[in-house]
Amino acid sequence: MPDEVTEAMVRERLARPDTVRGVILDGFPRTLPQAVALNEMLTDLQRRLAGVLCIAVSDDAIVDILTALGVSLVAQAHPGQDEVAVANSMLRALHES
């Protein structure tokens, strides 16, 4: 999904009254341009970032988690590939973005 679309969705959500006391953004921002956009959004809304949590997990652990959580559904969409191959493909795409 293009950054502009994701950022517009986040901006719209942050503008709602139920977010005034705070929100947890899971998976956003993922890139430096998204972080810049988030900073602009918060400035426009006269809010501030209270904290950031970054959890570092090895790729091997992520593959284990994805396969345990049902990457089989994704593998079904890619016949002939096993769950580990699909999980590794997902990780490569993430690292490239």
Protein backbone atom coordinates (compact mmCIF):
# COMPACT_ATOMS: atom_id res chain seq x y z
CA MET A 1 0.00 0.00 0.00
CA PRO A 2 1.45 3.41 -0.90
CA ASP A 3 2.62 5.64 1.97
CA GLU A 4 0.10 8.32 0.98
CA VAL A 5 -2.81 5.92 1.51
CA THR A 6 -1.50 4.59 4.82
CA GLU A 7 -0.73 8.09 6.08
CA ALA A 8 -4.19 9.35 5.12
CA MET A 9 -5.79 6.47 7.03
CA VAL A 10 -3.67 7.16 10.12
CA ARG A 11 -4.31 10.91 9.89
CA GLU A 12 -8.07 10.35 9.66
CA ARG A 13 -8.02 7.98 12.62
CA LEU A 14 -5.88 10.26 14.78
CA ALA A 15 -8.29 13.14 14.12
CA ARG A 16 -11.13 11.30 15.84
CA PRO A 17 -12.03 12.43 19.37
CA ASP A 18 -11.53 9.00 20.95
CA THR A 19 -7.76 9.21 20.26
CA VAL A 20 -7.18 12.42 22.22
CA ARG A 21 -6.03 10.55 25.35
CA GLY A 22 -3.64 8.41 23.32
CA VAL A 23 -3.20 5.60 20.85
CA ILE A 24 -0.88 2.70 20.18
CA LEU A 25 0.32 2.52 16.60
CA ASP A 26 1.32 -1.05 15.79
CA GLY A 27 3.42 -1.23 12.64
CA PHE A 28 3.32 2.48 11.84
CA PRO A 29 5.57 4.20 11.04
CA ARG A 30 7.69 1.61 9.22
CA THR A 31 9.82 3.99 7.16
CA LEU A 32 11.55 7.33 7.69
CA PRO A 33 9.09 9.15 5.39
CA GLN A 34 6.20 7.70 7.40
CA ALA A 35 7.88 8.87 10.62
CA VAL A 36 8.18 12.38 9.20
CA ALA A 37 4.51 12.28 8.18
CA LEU A 38 3.52 11.10 11.68
CA ASN A 39 5.47 13.97 13.23
CA GLU A 40 3.61 16.41 10.98
CA MET A 41 0.26 14.82 11.88
CA LEU A 42 0.95 15.09 15.59
CA THR A 43 2.10 18.69 15.22
CA ASP A 44 -1.05 19.57 13.26
CA LEU A 45 -3.19 17.93 15.95
CA GLN A 46 -1.20 19.63 18.74
CA ARG A 47 -0.19 16.30 20.22
CA ARG A 48 3.12 14.82 21.16
CA LEU A 49 4.74 11.43 20.99
CA ALA A 50 5.01 10.00 24.49
CA GLY A 51 7.20 7.01 23.69
CA VAL A 52 8.38 4.43 21.22
CA LEU A 53 8.76 0.71 21.72
CA CYS A 54 10.93 -1.27 19.35
CA ILE A 55 11.07 -5.02 19.83
CA ALA A 56 14.02 -6.65 18.08
CA VAL A 57 13.37 -10.23 17.06
CA SER A 58 15.58 -12.43 14.93
CA ASP A 59 14.34 -13.52 11.52
CA ASP A 60 14.48 -17.15 12.67
CA ALA A 61 12.18 -16.39 15.60
CA ILE A 62 9.78 -14.53 13.30
CA VAL A 63 9.66 -17.50 10.92
CA ASP A 64 8.90 -19.78 13.88
CA ILE A 65 6.13 -17.47 15.08
CA LEU A 66 4.58 -17.03 11.63
CA THR A 67 4.52 -20.75 10.94
CA ALA A 68 3.03 -21.43 14.39
CA LEU A 69 0.36 -18.75 13.93
CA GLY A 70 -0.98 -20.05 10.69
CA VAL A 71 1.04 -18.90 7.77
CA SER A 72 -0.56 -22.01 6.26
CA LEU A 73 -3.40 -19.73 5.13
CA VAL A 74 -0.90 -17.69 3.15
CA ALA A 75 0.77 -20.87 1.89
CA GLN A 76 -2.60 -22.01 0.55
CA ALA A 77 -2.57 -18.95 -1.67
CA HIS A 78 0.86 -20.05 -2.94
CA PRO A 79 0.48 -23.73 -3.83
CA GLY A 80 3.70 -25.69 -3.79
CA GLN A 81 5.40 -23.49 -1.21
CA ASP A 82 5.73 -24.59 2.38
CA GLU A 83 5.03 -22.35 5.36
CA VAL A 84 8.69 -21.61 6.02
CA ALA A 85 9.23 -20.53 2.40
CA VAL A 86 6.21 -18.23 2.61
CA ALA A 87 7.38 -16.77 5.94
CA ASN A 88 10.86 -16.14 4.51
CA SER A 89 9.33 -14.49 1.46
CA MET A 90 7.27 -12.22 3.72
CA LEU A 91 10.39 -11.28 5.68
CA ARG A 92 12.35 -10.48 2.51
CA ALA A 93 9.54 -8.19 1.36
CA LEU A 94 9.52 -6.48 4.77
CA HIS A 95 13.28 -5.95 4.73
CA GLU A 96 13.13 -4.51 1.22
CA SER A 97 10.41 -1.99 2.10
